[in-house]
């Protein structure tokens, strides 16, 4: 194939995006909440911090949430797509090179399509349990710092951990934050779309914290790309800025996971981290990457459960607390 035709084909391939149904149902955690020392509100998802199936029909996700331009995936308009496809067809129809028959044969494969729908930015509807407890805390609680995220955050205020036998971070929470007023809005299994739904349905209204620590995104790796996860995190940051305009937000890089540097989900998280780092403005949003503290030279993890390489154990919570507590304390003086 001549160089010109090959160049055109290469450009077309780069412009094309495979359209895939991306609306994957995400499990939600449920359970009652209680209060721990230091004013921290936590949820109880049942013995061992696991989740309990509710057996309900999940509500359809909401419309895409606003996303900061720094992390937005470029999406051409329908008019732009139509114009580009028209130009590609005109080129193929007018092409007279020796490979014209090949180009015409595969014309249907050479077209520009918009990126697939991103489930990470479509808020899901929260249901009962911990969410209800957090809404009540948001309405009537007194806290200066909000911990927000999934099970990694939830475990900060769990002592016994789960059935694997590893301890949660309660002892280290008492060490680093026990004298502060902290609300822990972490829910096991949650995603960017789940946190968006929670904030929009009561958790982002009411009391205004002085500081927010966000750890989120690892549960989106199952069906999303790093770029899509970054959009989801960006949508959460956008919502937090709207809900808590005076708060300082510590946006933590998604913690490393997996047994080594080549773990596919770790790579997705690293891609997302590079993108969301652009949200750092040094005034309201502070991207904070402490991941190197959790890594050995060979890429294996320090302070995480060796059987699943995802959740911190006490050593990991100690590393985490020591890295962020001074900054959070300074913010709430």
C-alpha atoms as a PDB file:
ATOM      1  CA  UNK A   1       0.000   0.000   0.000  1.00  0.00           C
ATOM      2  CA  UNK A   2       1.353   3.411  -0.914  1.00  0.00           C
ATOM      3  CA  UNK A   3       2.581   5.732   1.822  1.00  0.00           C
ATOM      4  CA  UNK A   4      -0.232   8.235   1.269  1.00  0.00           C
ATOM      5  CA  UNK A   5      -2.970   5.642   1.708  1.00  0.00           C
ATOM      6  CA  UNK A   6      -1.246   4.171   4.726  1.00  0.00           C
ATOM      7  CA  UNK A   7      -0.997   7.629   6.298  1.00  0.00           C
ATOM      8  CA  UNK A   8      -4.683   8.295   5.764  1.00  0.00           C
ATOM      9  CA  UNK A   9      -5.607   4.932   7.227  1.00  0.00           C
ATOM     10  CA  UNK A  10      -3.395   5.554  10.267  1.00  0.00           C
ATOM     11  CA  UNK A  11      -5.020   8.931  10.888  1.00  0.00           C
ATOM     12  CA  UNK A  12      -8.474   7.425  10.592  1.00  0.00           C
ATOM     13  CA  UNK A  13      -7.661   4.647  13.002  1.00  0.00           C
ATOM     14  CA  UNK A  14      -6.400   7.137  15.587  1.00  0.00           C
ATOM     15  CA  UNK A  15      -9.595   9.158  15.256  1.00  0.00           C
ATOM     16  CA  UNK A  16     -11.877   6.172  15.598  1.00  0.00           C
ATOM     17  CA  UNK A  17     -13.205   5.079  18.969  1.00  0.00           C
ATOM     18  CA  UNK A  18     -14.912   1.768  19.515  1.00  0.00           C
ATOM     19  CA  UNK A  19     -18.459   2.260  20.707  1.00  0.00           C
ATOM     20  CA  UNK A  20     -19.100  -0.053  23.652  1.00  0.00           C
ATOM     21  CA  UNK A  21     -21.983  -0.270  26.094  1.00  0.00           C
ATOM     22  CA  UNK A  22     -20.291   1.108  29.188  1.00  0.00           C
ATOM     23  CA  UNK A  23     -23.137   1.215  31.657  1.00  0.00           C
ATOM     24  CA  UNK A  24     -22.025  -1.410  34.146  1.00  0.00           C
ATOM     25  CA  UNK A  25     -24.057  -1.936  37.302  1.00  0.00           C
ATOM     26  CA  UNK A  26     -21.972  -1.143  40.386  1.00  0.00           C
ATOM     27  CA  UNK A  27     -22.622  -2.808  43.757  1.00  0.00           C
ATOM     28  CA  UNK A  28     -23.443  -0.506  46.644  1.00  0.00           C
ATOM     29  CA  UNK A  29     -22.734  -1.085  50.288  1.00  0.00           C
ATOM     30  CA  UNK A  30     -25.425  -0.840  52.924  1.00  0.00           C
ATOM     31  CA  UNK A  31     -25.516  -0.872  56.657  1.00  0.00           C
ATOM     32  CA  UNK A  32     -25.975   1.176  59.761  1.00  0.00           C
ATOM     33  CA  UNK A  33     -23.575   3.838  60.906  1.00  0.00           C
ATOM     34  CA  UNK A  34     -22.165   4.709  64.319  1.00  0.00           C
ATOM     35  CA  UNK A  35     -19.739   7.191  65.817  1.00  0.00           C
ATOM     36  CA  UNK A  36     -16.142   6.605  66.828  1.00  0.00           C
ATOM     37  CA  UNK A  37     -13.733   8.528  69.017  1.00  0.00           C
ATOM     38  CA  UNK A  38     -12.493  11.871  67.804  1.00  0.00           C
ATOM     39  CA  UNK A  39     -15.897  12.731  66.353  1.00  0.00           C
ATOM     40  CA  UNK A  40     -15.456  10.481  63.330  1.00  0.00           C
ATOM     41  CA  UNK A  41     -18.635   9.091  61.812  1.00  0.00           C
ATOM     42  CA  UNK A  42     -18.212   5.706  60.179  1.00  0.00           C
ATOM     43  CA  UNK A  43     -20.451   3.169  58.550  1.00  0.00           C
ATOM     44  CA  UNK A  44     -20.902  -0.463  59.542  1.00  0.00           C
ATOM     45  CA  UNK A  45     -21.461  -2.735  56.574  1.00  0.00           C
ATOM     46  CA  UNK A  46     -21.798  -5.811  58.691  1.00  0.00           C
ATOM     47  CA  UNK A  47     -19.254  -8.044  60.372  1.00  0.00           C
ATOM     48  CA  UNK A  48     -15.791  -7.631  58.965  1.00  0.00           C
ATOM     49  CA  UNK A  49     -16.607  -4.536  56.934  1.00  0.00           C
ATOM     50  CA  UNK A  50     -18.099  -6.514  54.039  1.00  0.00           C
ATOM     51  CA  UNK A  51     -21.087  -5.509  51.956  1.00  0.00           C
ATOM     52  CA  UNK A  52     -24.535  -7.017  51.979  1.00  0.00           C
ATOM     53  CA  UNK A  53     -26.590  -7.623  48.848  1.00  0.00           C
ATOM     54  CA  UNK A  54     -29.881  -5.734  48.940  1.00  0.00           C
ATOM     55  CA  UNK A  55     -31.719  -7.506  46.127  1.00  0.00           C
ATOM     56  CA  UNK A  56     -33.169  -4.329  44.586  1.00  0.00           C
ATOM     57  CA  UNK A  57     -33.406  -3.105  41.018  1.00  0.00           C
ATOM     58  CA  UNK A  58     -30.727  -0.448  40.539  1.00  0.00           C
ATOM     59  CA  UNK A  59     -32.024   2.912  39.368  1.00  0.00           C
ATOM     60  CA  UNK A  60     -30.681   4.101  36.007  1.00  0.00           C
ATOM     61  CA  UNK A  61     -27.702   6.460  36.287  1.00  0.00           C
ATOM     62  CA  UNK A  62     -28.253  10.185  35.997  1.00  0.00           C
ATOM     63  CA  UNK A  63     -27.086  12.479  33.213  1.00  0.00           C
ATOM     64  CA  UNK A  64     -23.363  13.166  32.871  1.00  0.00           C
ATOM     65  CA  UNK A  65     -22.052  15.440  35.616  1.00  0.00           C
ATOM     66  CA  UNK A  66     -19.989  18.550  34.802  1.00  0.00           C
ATOM     67  CA  UNK A  67     -16.265  17.869  34.417  1.00  0.00           C
ATOM     68  CA  UNK A  68     -13.374  20.327  34.790  1.00  0.00           C
ATOM     69  CA  UNK A  69     -11.791  21.035  31.391  1.00  0.00           C
ATOM     70  CA  UNK A  70      -8.373  19.872  32.667  1.00  0.00           C
ATOM     71  CA  UNK A  71      -9.555  16.250  32.753  1.00  0.00           C
ATOM     72  CA  UNK A  72     -12.302  16.217  30.116  1.00  0.00           C
ATOM     73  CA  UNK A  73     -12.069  13.653  27.322  1.00  0.00           C
ATOM     74  CA  UNK A  74     -12.341  15.462  23.947  1.00  0.00           C
ATOM     75  CA  UNK A  75     -15.750  14.744  22.446  1.00  0.00           C
ATOM     76  CA  UNK A  76     -16.529  16.094  18.970  1.00  0.00           C
ATOM     77  CA  UNK A  77     -20.058  17.271  18.252  1.00  0.00           C
ATOM     78  CA  UNK A  78     -22.365  15.327  15.949  1.00  0.00           C
ATOM     79  CA  UNK A  79     -21.828  17.994  13.315  1.00  0.00           C
ATOM     80  CA  UNK A  80     -18.039  17.695  13.584  1.00  0.00           C
ATOM     81  CA  UNK A  81     -18.208  13.895  13.322  1.00  0.00           C
ATOM     82  CA  UNK A  82     -20.483  14.107  10.286  1.00  0.00           C
ATOM     83  CA  UNK A  83     -18.174  16.591   8.577  1.00  0.00           C
ATOM     84  CA  UNK A  84     -15.046  14.489   9.221  1.00  0.00           C
ATOM     85  CA  UNK A  85     -16.753  11.334   7.961  1.00  0.00           C
ATOM     86  CA  UNK A  86     -17.921  13.196   4.880  1.00  0.00           C
ATOM     87  CA  UNK A  87     -14.360  14.335   4.177  1.00  0.00           C
ATOM     88  CA  UNK A  88     -13.018  10.799   4.630  1.00  0.00           C
ATOM     89  CA  UNK A  89     -15.613   9.431   2.200  1.00  0.00           C
ATOM     90  CA  UNK A  90     -14.788  12.116  -0.356  1.00  0.00           C
ATOM     91  CA  UNK A  91     -11.108  11.242  -0.128  1.00  0.00           C
ATOM     92  CA  UNK A  92     -11.789   7.531  -0.615  1.00  0.00           C
ATOM     93  CA  UNK A  93     -14.156   8.167  -3.532  1.00  0.00           C
ATOM     94  CA  UNK A  94     -11.627  10.393  -5.268  1.00  0.00           C
ATOM     95  CA  UNK A  95      -8.554   8.308  -4.515  1.00  0.00           C
ATOM     96  CA  UNK A  96      -7.009   6.851  -7.689  1.00  0.00           C
ATOM     97  CA  UNK A  97      -3.993   5.029  -6.327  1.00  0.00           C
ATOM     98  CA  UNK A  98      -3.366   1.325  -6.823  1.00  0.00           C
ATOM     99  CA  UNK A  99      -4.996   0.590  -3.449  1.00  0.00           C
ATOM    100  CA  UNK A 100      -8.283   2.334  -4.227  1.00  0.00           C
ATOM    101  CA  UNK A 101     -10.210  -0.947  -4.321  1.00  0.00           C
ATOM    102  CA  UNK A 102      -8.967  -1.886  -0.844  1.00  0.00           C
ATOM    103  CA  UNK A 103      -9.954   1.505   0.571  1.00  0.00           C
ATOM    104  CA  UNK A 104     -13.428   1.295  -0.982  1.00  0.00           C
ATOM    105  CA  UNK A 105     -13.870  -2.267   0.240  1.00  0.00           C
ATOM    106  CA  UNK A 106     -13.246  -1.217   3.859  1.00  0.00           C
ATOM    107  CA  UNK A 107     -14.865   2.209   3.778  1.00  0.00           C
ATOM    108  CA  UNK A 108     -17.324   1.215   6.513  1.00  0.00           C
ATOM    109  CA  UNK A 109     -14.418   0.563   8.878  1.00  0.00           C
ATOM    110  CA  UNK A 110     -12.869   3.968   8.320  1.00  0.00           C
ATOM    111  CA  UNK A 111     -15.095   6.435  10.154  1.00  0.00           C
ATOM    112  CA  UNK A 112     -14.886   8.817  13.067  1.00  0.00           C
ATOM    113  CA  UNK A 113     -17.059   8.046  16.072  1.00  0.00           C
ATOM    114  CA  UNK A 114     -17.484   9.856  19.381  1.00  0.00           C
ATOM    115  CA  UNK A 115     -15.906   8.371  22.524  1.00  0.00           C
ATOM    116  CA  UNK A 116     -18.171   5.931  24.359  1.00  0.00           C
ATOM    117  CA  UNK A 117     -20.445   7.078  27.133  1.00  0.00           C
ATOM    118  CA  UNK A 118     -18.515   7.370  30.410  1.00  0.00           C
ATOM    119  CA  UNK A 119     -20.344   5.683  33.265  1.00  0.00           C
ATOM    120  CA  UNK A 120     -17.824   7.185  35.715  1.00  0.00           C
ATOM    121  CA  UNK A 121     -19.466  10.617  35.424  1.00  0.00           C
ATOM    122  CA  UNK A 122     -23.103   9.475  35.604  1.00  0.00           C
ATOM    123  CA  UNK A 123     -24.285   9.731  39.240  1.00  0.00           C
ATOM    124  CA  UNK A 124     -25.970   6.647  40.638  1.00  0.00           C
ATOM    125  CA  UNK A 125     -28.810   6.793  43.136  1.00  0.00           C
ATOM    126  CA  UNK A 126     -27.721   6.053  46.737  1.00  0.00           C
ATOM    127  CA  UNK A 127     -29.944   3.795  48.836  1.00  0.00           C
ATOM    128  CA  UNK A 128     -30.319   3.759  52.609  1.00  0.00           C
ATOM    129  CA  UNK A 129     -27.847   2.373  55.103  1.00  0.00           C
ATOM    130  CA  UNK A 130     -24.623   4.290  55.396  1.00  0.00           C
ATOM    131  CA  UNK A 131     -25.821   7.008  53.037  1.00  0.00           C
ATOM    132  CA  UNK A 132     -28.747   7.855  55.316  1.00  0.00           C
ATOM    133  CA  UNK A 133     -26.382   8.024  58.280  1.00  0.00           C
ATOM    134  CA  UNK A 134     -24.019  10.308  56.374  1.00  0.00           C
ATOM    135  CA  UNK A 135     -26.860  12.606  55.307  1.00  0.00           C
ATOM    136  CA  UNK A 136     -27.895  12.918  58.956  1.00  0.00           C
ATOM    137  CA  UNK A 137     -24.292  13.707  59.895  1.00  0.00           C
ATOM    138  CA  UNK A 138     -24.103  16.274  57.103  1.00  0.00           C
ATOM    139  CA  UNK A 139     -27.247  17.929  58.445  1.00  0.00           C
ATOM    140  CA  UNK A 140     -26.524  17.853  62.161  1.00  0.00           C
ATOM    141  CA  UNK A 141     -22.900  16.829  62.660  1.00  0.00           C
ATOM    142  CA  UNK A 142     -19.984  18.940  63.790  1.00  0.00           C
ATOM    143  CA  UNK A 143     -16.789  18.112  61.925  1.00  0.00           C
ATOM    144  CA  UNK A 144     -13.853  19.992  60.470  1.00  0.00           C
ATOM    145  CA  UNK A 145     -12.448  17.274  58.190  1.00  0.00           C
ATOM    146  CA  UNK A 146     -14.338  15.010  55.791  1.00  0.00           C
ATOM    147  CA  UNK A 147     -12.830  11.707  54.681  1.00  0.00           C
ATOM    148  CA  UNK A 148     -14.522  10.677  51.418  1.00  0.00           C
ATOM    149  CA  UNK A 149     -14.113   7.561  49.316  1.00  0.00           C
ATOM    150  CA  UNK A 150     -14.518   3.791  49.158  1.00  0.00           C
ATOM    151  CA  UNK A 151     -13.443   0.881  51.384  1.00  0.00           C
ATOM    152  CA  UNK A 152      -9.860   2.153  51.605  1.00  0.00           C
ATOM    153  CA  UNK A 153     -11.221   5.233  53.367  1.00  0.00           C
ATOM    154  CA  UNK A 154     -13.935   3.327  55.218  1.00  0.00           C
ATOM    155  CA  UNK A 155     -11.314   1.118  56.901  1.00  0.00           C
ATOM    156  CA  UNK A 156      -9.758   4.121  58.645  1.00  0.00           C
ATOM    157  CA  UNK A 157     -12.358   3.776  61.385  1.00  0.00           C
ATOM    158  CA  UNK A 158     -12.599  -0.019  61.488  1.00  0.00           C
ATOM    159  CA  UNK A 159     -10.680  -1.901  64.151  1.00  0.00           C
ATOM    160  CA  UNK A 160     -11.054  -5.552  63.231  1.00  0.00           C
ATOM    161  CA  UNK A 161     -10.863  -5.295  59.458  1.00  0.00           C
ATOM    162  CA  UNK A 162     -12.654  -8.053  57.577  1.00  0.00           C
ATOM    163  CA  UNK A 163     -12.679 -11.848  57.405  1.00  0.00           C
ATOM    164  CA  UNK A 164      -9.091 -11.898  56.123  1.00  0.00           C
ATOM    165  CA  UNK A 165      -7.957 -11.170  59.677  1.00  0.00           C
ATOM    166  CA  UNK A 166      -6.149  -7.916  58.968  1.00  0.00           C
ATOM    167  CA  UNK A 167      -6.721  -4.913  61.181  1.00  0.00           C
ATOM    168  CA  UNK A 168      -8.294  -1.755  59.874  1.00  0.00           C
ATOM    169  CA  UNK A 169      -6.948   1.693  60.622  1.00  0.00           C
ATOM    170  CA  UNK A 170      -8.801   2.537  63.844  1.00  0.00           C
ATOM    171  CA  UNK A 171      -5.713   2.520  66.070  1.00  0.00           C
ATOM    172  CA  UNK A 172      -3.830   4.746  63.625  1.00  0.00           C
ATOM    173  CA  UNK A 173      -6.864   6.980  63.222  1.00  0.00           C
ATOM    174  CA  UNK A 174      -6.775   7.564  66.975  1.00  0.00           C
ATOM    175  CA  UNK A 175      -3.036   8.239  66.756  1.00  0.00           C
ATOM    176  CA  UNK A 176      -3.201  10.852  63.998  1.00  0.00           C
ATOM    177  CA  UNK A 177      -6.736  12.241  64.121  1.00  0.00           C
ATOM    178  CA  UNK A 178      -8.214  11.216  67.469  1.00  0.00           C
ATOM    179  CA  UNK A 179      -8.315  14.760  68.816  1.00  0.00           C
ATOM    180  CA  UNK A 180      -9.804  16.234  65.646  1.00  0.00           C
ATOM    181  CA  UNK A 181     -13.396  16.394  64.462  1.00  0.00           C
ATOM    182  CA  UNK A 182     -13.517  14.038  61.488  1.00  0.00           C
ATOM    183  CA  UNK A 183     -16.460  12.558  59.575  1.00  0.00           C
ATOM    184  CA  UNK A 184     -15.649   9.426  57.576  1.00  0.00           C
ATOM    185  CA  UNK A 185     -17.942   9.078  54.540  1.00  0.00           C
ATOM    186  CA  UNK A 186     -16.214   6.007  53.100  1.00  0.00           C
ATOM    187  CA  UNK A 187     -18.356   3.190  51.685  1.00  0.00           C
ATOM    188  CA  UNK A 188     -16.958  -0.175  50.644  1.00  0.00           C
ATOM    189  CA  UNK A 189     -17.194  -0.832  46.919  1.00  0.00           C
ATOM    190  CA  UNK A 190     -18.004   2.737  45.988  1.00  0.00           C
ATOM    191  CA  UNK A 191     -17.080   4.396  42.707  1.00  0.00           C
ATOM    192  CA  UNK A 192     -16.845   7.905  41.309  1.00  0.00           C
ATOM    193  CA  UNK A 193     -20.451   7.714  40.128  1.00  0.00           C
ATOM    194  CA  UNK A 194     -21.527   6.461  43.542  1.00  0.00           C
ATOM    195  CA  UNK A 195     -19.850   9.320  45.393  1.00  0.00           C
ATOM    196  CA  UNK A 196     -21.340  11.789  42.916  1.00  0.00           C
ATOM    197  CA  UNK A 197     -24.799  10.432  43.681  1.00  0.00           C
ATOM    198  CA  UNK A 198     -24.198  10.581  47.420  1.00  0.00           C
ATOM    199  CA  UNK A 199     -22.983  14.180  47.357  1.00  0.00           C
ATOM    200  CA  UNK A 200     -25.892  15.276  45.173  1.00  0.00           C
ATOM    201  CA  UNK A 201     -28.399  13.561  47.453  1.00  0.00           C
ATOM    202  CA  UNK A 202     -27.609  15.075  50.819  1.00  0.00           C
ATOM    203  CA  UNK A 203     -24.022  14.292  51.763  1.00  0.00           C
ATOM    204  CA  UNK A 204     -22.803  17.486  50.103  1.00  0.00           C
ATOM    205  CA  UNK A 205     -25.415  19.673  51.757  1.00  0.00           C
ATOM    206  CA  UNK A 206     -25.633  20.967  55.312  1.00  0.00           C
ATOM    207  CA  UNK A 207     -22.456  21.263  57.381  1.00  0.00           C
ATOM    208  CA  UNK A 208     -19.412  22.650  55.586  1.00  0.00           C
ATOM    209  CA  UNK A 209     -16.057  21.034  56.491  1.00  0.00           C
ATOM    210  CA  UNK A 210     -12.837  23.012  56.406  1.00  0.00           C
ATOM    211  CA  UNK A 211     -10.943  20.193  54.704  1.00  0.00           C
ATOM    212  CA  UNK A 212     -11.765  17.166  52.550  1.00  0.00           C
ATOM    213  CA  UNK A 213      -9.506  14.165  51.897  1.00  0.00           C
ATOM    214  CA  UNK A 214     -10.572  12.264  48.787  1.00  0.00           C
ATOM    215  CA  UNK A 215      -9.332   8.766  47.909  1.00  0.00           C
ATOM    216  CA  UNK A 216     -11.348   7.361  45.020  1.00  0.00           C
ATOM    217  CA  UNK A 217     -11.194   5.589  41.667  1.00  0.00           C
ATOM    218  CA  UNK A 218      -9.775   2.119  42.221  1.00  0.00           C
ATOM    219  CA  UNK A 219     -13.220   0.468  42.023  1.00  0.00           C
ATOM    220  CA  UNK A 220     -13.755   1.958  38.565  1.00  0.00           C
ATOM    221  CA  UNK A 221     -10.871  -0.020  37.043  1.00  0.00           C
ATOM    222  CA  UNK A 222     -13.044  -3.036  36.241  1.00  0.00           C
ATOM    223  CA  UNK A 223     -14.757  -1.438  33.249  1.00  0.00           C
ATOM    224  CA  UNK A 224     -13.232   1.987  32.698  1.00  0.00           C
ATOM    225  CA  UNK A 225     -10.048   3.341  31.180  1.00  0.00           C
ATOM    226  CA  UNK A 226      -7.639   5.551  33.077  1.00  0.00           C
ATOM    227  CA  UNK A 227      -8.929   8.551  31.130  1.00  0.00           C
ATOM    228  CA  UNK A 228     -12.531   7.746  32.063  1.00  0.00           C
ATOM    229  CA  UNK A 229     -11.607   7.313  35.726  1.00  0.00           C
ATOM    230  CA  UNK A 230      -9.895  10.700  35.654  1.00  0.00           C
ATOM    231  CA  UNK A 231     -13.062  12.267  34.293  1.00  0.00           C
ATOM    232  CA  UNK A 232     -15.032  10.664  37.117  1.00  0.00           C
ATOM    233  CA  UNK A 233     -12.655  11.987  39.771  1.00  0.00           C
ATOM    234  CA  UNK A 234     -12.770  15.392  38.115  1.00  0.00           C
ATOM    235  CA  UNK A 235     -16.565  15.359  38.286  1.00  0.00           C
ATOM    236  CA  UNK A 236     -16.366  14.616  42.033  1.00  0.00           C
ATOM    237  CA  UNK A 237     -13.905  17.490  42.537  1.00  0.00           C
ATOM    238  CA  UNK A 238     -16.241  19.787  40.594  1.00  0.00           C
ATOM    239  CA  UNK A 239     -19.122  18.754  42.862  1.00  0.00           C
ATOM    240  CA  UNK A 240     -17.027  19.216  46.018  1.00  0.00           C
ATOM    241  CA  UNK A 241     -16.004  22.699  44.932  1.00  0.00           C
ATOM    242  CA  UNK A 242     -19.662  23.556  44.438  1.00  0.00           C
ATOM    243  CA  UNK A 243     -20.794  21.999  47.739  1.00  0.00           C
ATOM    244  CA  UNK A 244     -17.871  23.190  49.889  1.00  0.00           C
ATOM    245  CA  UNK A 245     -16.490  26.324  48.189  1.00  0.00           C
ATOM    246  CA  UNK A 246     -14.376  27.347  51.187  1.00  0.00           C
ATOM    247  CA  UNK A 247     -12.862  23.917  51.915  1.00  0.00           C
ATOM    248  CA  UNK A 248      -9.374  22.806  50.994  1.00  0.00           C
ATOM    249  CA  UNK A 249      -9.470  19.497  49.145  1.00  0.00           C
ATOM    250  CA  UNK A 250      -6.648  16.984  49.424  1.00  0.00           C
ATOM    251  CA  UNK A 251      -6.948  14.984  46.220  1.00  0.00           C
ATOM    252  CA  UNK A 252      -4.914  11.857  46.841  1.00  0.00           C
ATOM    253  CA  UNK A 253      -3.399   9.950  43.956  1.00  0.00           C
ATOM    254  CA  UNK A 254      -5.158   6.592  43.680  1.00  0.00           C
ATOM    255  CA  UNK A 255      -3.040   4.209  45.728  1.00  0.00           C
ATOM    256  CA  UNK A 256      -0.991   1.574  43.892  1.00  0.00           C
ATOM    257  CA  UNK A 257      -2.508  -1.894  43.716  1.00  0.00           C
ATOM    258  CA  UNK A 258      -1.612  -5.327  42.433  1.00  0.00           C
ATOM    259  CA  UNK A 259       1.481  -7.444  42.952  1.00  0.00           C
ATOM    260  CA  UNK A 260       3.802  -5.500  40.668  1.00  0.00           C
ATOM    261  CA  UNK A 261       4.402  -2.541  38.397  1.00  0.00           C
ATOM    262  CA  UNK A 262       2.863  -4.288  35.379  1.00  0.00           C
ATOM    263  CA  UNK A 263      -0.508  -4.903  37.025  1.00  0.00           C
ATOM    264  CA  UNK A 264      -3.104  -3.688  34.512  1.00  0.00           C
ATOM    265  CA  UNK A 265      -5.302  -1.993  37.107  1.00  0.00           C
ATOM    266  CA  UNK A 266      -2.302  -0.242  38.640  1.00  0.00           C
ATOM    267  CA  UNK A 267      -1.441   1.132  35.212  1.00  0.00           C
ATOM    268  CA  UNK A 268      -4.993   2.437  34.790  1.00  0.00           C
ATOM    269  CA  UNK A 269      -4.721   4.188  38.144  1.00  0.00           C
ATOM    270  CA  UNK A 270      -1.355   5.673  37.189  1.00  0.00           C
ATOM    271  CA  UNK A 271      -2.858   7.030  33.976  1.00  0.00           C
ATOM    272  CA  UNK A 272      -5.726   8.570  35.921  1.00  0.00           C
ATOM    273  CA  UNK A 273      -3.317  10.057  38.463  1.00  0.00           C
ATOM    274  CA  UNK A 274      -1.271  11.812  35.784  1.00  0.00           C
ATOM    275  CA  UNK A 275      -4.431  13.424  34.444  1.00  0.00           C
ATOM    276  CA  UNK A 276      -6.089  14.463  37.721  1.00  0.00           C
ATOM    277  CA  UNK A 277      -2.815  16.016  38.883  1.00  0.00           C
ATOM    278  CA  UNK A 278      -3.778  18.872  36.534  1.00  0.00           C
ATOM    279  CA  UNK A 279      -6.594  19.772  38.960  1.00  0.00           C
ATOM    280  CA  UNK A 280      -4.074  21.012  41.520  1.00  0.00           C
ATOM    281  CA  UNK A 281      -4.451  24.767  41.883  1.00  0.00           C
ATOM    282  CA  UNK A 282      -2.626  25.331  45.173  1.00  0.00           C
ATOM    283  CA  UNK A 283      -5.607  27.230  46.548  1.00  0.00           C
ATOM    284  CA  UNK A 284      -8.608  24.941  46.821  1.00  0.00           C
ATOM    285  CA  UNK A 285      -7.454  21.626  45.307  1.00  0.00           C
ATOM    286  CA  UNK A 286      -4.171  20.035  46.341  1.00  0.00           C
ATOM    287  CA  UNK A 287      -3.103  16.936  44.424  1.00  0.00           C
ATOM    288  CA  UNK A 288      -1.139  14.812  46.883  1.00  0.00           C
ATOM    289  CA  UNK A 289       0.845  11.797  45.672  1.00  0.00           C
ATOM    290  CA  UNK A 290       2.243   9.644  48.489  1.00  0.00           C
ATOM    291  CA  UNK A 291       2.368   6.446  46.438  1.00  0.00           C
ATOM    292  CA  UNK A 292       6.149   6.140  46.504  1.00  0.00           C
ATOM    293  CA  UNK A 293       5.938   5.552  50.260  1.00  0.00           C
ATOM    294  CA  UNK A 294       3.997   2.346  49.601  1.00  0.00           C
ATOM    295  CA  UNK A 295       6.379   0.861  47.011  1.00  0.00           C
ATOM    296  CA  UNK A 296       9.469  -1.307  47.199  1.00  0.00           C
ATOM    297  CA  UNK A 297      12.128  -1.093  44.486  1.00  0.00           C
ATOM    298  CA  UNK A 298      10.658  -4.118  42.720  1.00  0.00           C
ATOM    299  CA  UNK A 299       7.201  -2.507  42.568  1.00  0.00           C
ATOM    300  CA  UNK A 300       5.630  -4.648  45.270  1.00  0.00           C
ATOM    301  CA  UNK A 301       3.583  -2.988  47.978  1.00  0.00           C
ATOM    302  CA  UNK A 302       4.421  -1.937  51.515  1.00  0.00           C
ATOM    303  CA  UNK A 303       1.647  -1.931  54.086  1.00  0.00           C
ATOM    304  CA  UNK A 304      -1.074  -3.642  52.028  1.00  0.00           C
ATOM    305  CA  UNK A 305      -2.793  -7.004  52.401  1.00  0.00           C
ATOM    306  CA  UNK A 306      -0.595  -9.510  50.551  1.00  0.00           C
ATOM    307  CA  UNK A 307      -3.527 -11.741  49.635  1.00  0.00           C
ATOM    308  CA  UNK A 308      -5.180  -9.051  47.497  1.00  0.00           C
ATOM    309  CA  UNK A 309      -2.768  -6.084  47.235  1.00  0.00           C
ATOM    310  CA  UNK A 310      -5.540  -3.522  47.458  1.00  0.00           C
ATOM    311  CA  UNK A 311      -6.402  -2.537  51.033  1.00  0.00           C
ATOM    312  CA  UNK A 312      -3.935  -1.092  53.551  1.00  0.00           C
ATOM    313  CA  UNK A 313      -3.126  -2.868  56.794  1.00  0.00           C
ATOM    314  CA  UNK A 314      -2.013  -1.040  59.947  1.00  0.00           C
ATOM    315  CA  UNK A 315       1.446  -0.381  58.508  1.00  0.00           C
ATOM    316  CA  UNK A 316      -0.131   1.222  55.471  1.00  0.00           C
ATOM    317  CA  UNK A 317      -2.451   3.378  57.545  1.00  0.00           C
ATOM    318  CA  UNK A 318       0.543   4.475  59.611  1.00  0.00           C
ATOM    319  CA  UNK A 319       2.369   5.572  56.451  1.00  0.00           C
ATOM    320  CA  UNK A 320      -0.756   7.312  55.174  1.00  0.00           C
ATOM    321  CA  UNK A 321      -1.517   9.105  58.440  1.00  0.00           C
ATOM    322  CA  UNK A 322       2.055  10.326  58.919  1.00  0.00           C
ATOM    323  CA  UNK A 323       2.068  11.725  55.368  1.00  0.00           C
ATOM    324  CA  UNK A 324      -1.199  13.681  55.470  1.00  0.00           C
ATOM    325  CA  UNK A 325      -1.979  14.516  59.113  1.00  0.00           C
ATOM    326  CA  UNK A 326       0.358  17.556  59.385  1.00  0.00           C
ATOM    327  CA  UNK A 327      -1.228  19.209  56.353  1.00  0.00           C
ATOM    328  CA  UNK A 328      -4.798  18.487  57.420  1.00  0.00           C
ATOM    329  CA  UNK A 329      -4.076  19.811  60.917  1.00  0.00           C
ATOM    330  CA  UNK A 330      -2.653  22.994  59.452  1.00  0.00           C
ATOM    331  CA  UNK A 331      -5.743  23.467  57.306  1.00  0.00           C
ATOM    332  CA  UNK A 332      -8.201  23.253  60.225  1.00  0.00           C
ATOM    333  CA  UNK A 333      -6.339  25.416  62.734  1.00  0.00           C
END
